[in-house]
Amino acid sequence: MASLHEKGLNKILEKVGEEATETILAAKDCDAQNASSQQALINETADLWFHTMVMLSHLDLTPQQVLAELEDRFNISGLDEKASRQN
């Protein structure tokens, strides 16, 4: 069976999109009092993070680069950060 890397970027992106949708649906169904719904959300989030890391790897990027970006954004409001990206 071919690895996801070997299947190419389009297949990887398809999986990221699929897992993002499944994560959203699990979050909508998540109940703070229901351990199985919480576990479902954890499982889907893990799948999303995994496929996102595969995407980054395929594009010769690293999770560390994303973490560094998040660190740079620490204590900056989302609106201010977004405005700084607009040229």
Protein backbone atom coordinates (compact mmCIF):
# COMPACT_ATOMS: atom_id res chain seq x y z
CA MET A 1 0.00 0.00 0.00
CA ALA A 2 1.39 3.37 -0.99
CA SER A 3 2.08 5.87 1.76
CA LEU A 4 0.15 9.09 1.83
CA HIS A 5 3.35 10.92 0.81
CA GLU A 6 3.56 8.78 -2.32
CA LYS A 7 -0.06 9.54 -3.21
CA GLY A 8 0.80 13.23 -3.55
CA LEU A 9 -0.28 16.59 -2.26
CA ASN A 10 -3.86 16.49 -3.55
CA LYS A 11 -4.58 13.26 -1.63
CA ILE A 12 -2.93 14.69 1.48
CA LEU A 13 -5.03 17.85 1.26
CA GLU A 14 -8.15 15.74 0.75
CA LYS A 15 -7.35 13.94 4.01
CA VAL A 16 -6.71 17.22 5.86
CA GLY A 17 -10.09 18.52 4.68
CA GLU A 18 -11.84 15.28 5.61
CA GLU A 19 -10.29 15.26 9.08
CA ALA A 20 -11.09 18.95 9.60
CA THR A 21 -14.75 18.25 8.85
CA GLU A 22 -14.80 15.23 11.14
CA THR A 23 -13.17 17.28 13.92
CA ILE A 24 -15.80 20.01 13.55
CA LEU A 25 -18.61 17.45 13.71
CA ALA A 26 -17.08 15.77 16.77
CA ALA A 27 -16.75 19.16 18.47
CA LYS A 28 -20.41 19.93 17.78
CA ASP A 29 -21.36 16.61 19.40
CA CYS A 30 -18.95 16.95 22.31
CA ASP A 31 -20.49 17.10 25.76
CA ALA A 32 -18.33 18.00 28.76
CA GLN A 33 -20.22 15.37 30.75
CA ASN A 34 -19.79 12.59 28.19
CA ALA A 35 -16.39 10.88 28.16
CA SER A 36 -17.04 9.01 24.90
CA SER A 37 -17.91 12.21 23.02
CA GLN A 38 -14.78 13.85 24.46
CA GLN A 39 -12.68 10.88 23.34
CA ALA A 40 -14.21 11.08 19.86
CA LEU A 41 -13.13 14.72 19.64
CA ILE A 42 -9.64 13.85 20.87
CA ASN A 43 -9.39 11.07 18.28
CA GLU A 44 -10.52 13.31 15.42
CA THR A 45 -8.20 16.12 16.51
CA ALA A 46 -5.29 13.66 16.59
CA ASP A 47 -6.18 12.57 13.04
CA LEU A 48 -6.33 16.20 11.90
CA TRP A 49 -2.98 17.04 13.51
CA PHE A 50 -1.39 13.91 12.01
CA HIS A 51 -2.55 14.67 8.48
CA THR A 52 -1.56 18.31 8.88
CA MET A 53 1.94 17.17 9.85
CA VAL A 54 2.04 14.89 6.80
CA MET A 55 1.09 17.92 4.68
CA LEU A 56 3.84 20.04 6.22
CA SER A 57 6.39 17.26 5.74
CA HIS A 58 5.37 16.79 2.11
CA LEU A 59 6.02 20.50 1.58
CA ASP A 60 9.40 20.32 3.38
CA LEU A 61 8.07 22.29 6.35
CA THR A 62 8.17 21.30 10.01
CA PRO A 63 5.85 21.45 13.00
CA GLN A 64 8.60 23.49 14.68
CA GLN A 65 8.11 26.25 12.11
CA VAL A 66 4.41 26.39 13.00
CA LEU A 67 5.23 26.43 16.72
CA ALA A 68 7.70 29.26 16.15
CA GLU A 69 4.99 31.23 14.33
CA LEU A 70 2.60 30.67 17.23
CA GLU A 71 5.27 31.79 19.67
CA ASP A 72 5.78 34.97 17.63
CA ARG A 73 2.04 35.63 17.88
CA PHE A 74 1.90 35.20 21.65
CA ASN A 75 0.29 38.25 23.28
CA ILE A 76 -0.77 39.65 19.90
CA SER A 77 -4.49 39.86 19.23
CA GLY A 78 -5.80 37.91 16.27
CA LEU A 79 -7.00 41.12 14.62
CA ASP A 80 -3.61 42.79 15.01
CA GLU A 81 -1.80 39.71 13.69
CA LYS A 82 -4.08 39.47 10.66
CA ALA A 83 -3.68 43.21 9.94
CA SER A 84 0.09 42.82 10.01
CA ARG A 85 -0.12 40.27 7.15
CA GLN A 86 -2.12 42.56 4.85
CA ASN A 87 -0.05 44.59 2.39
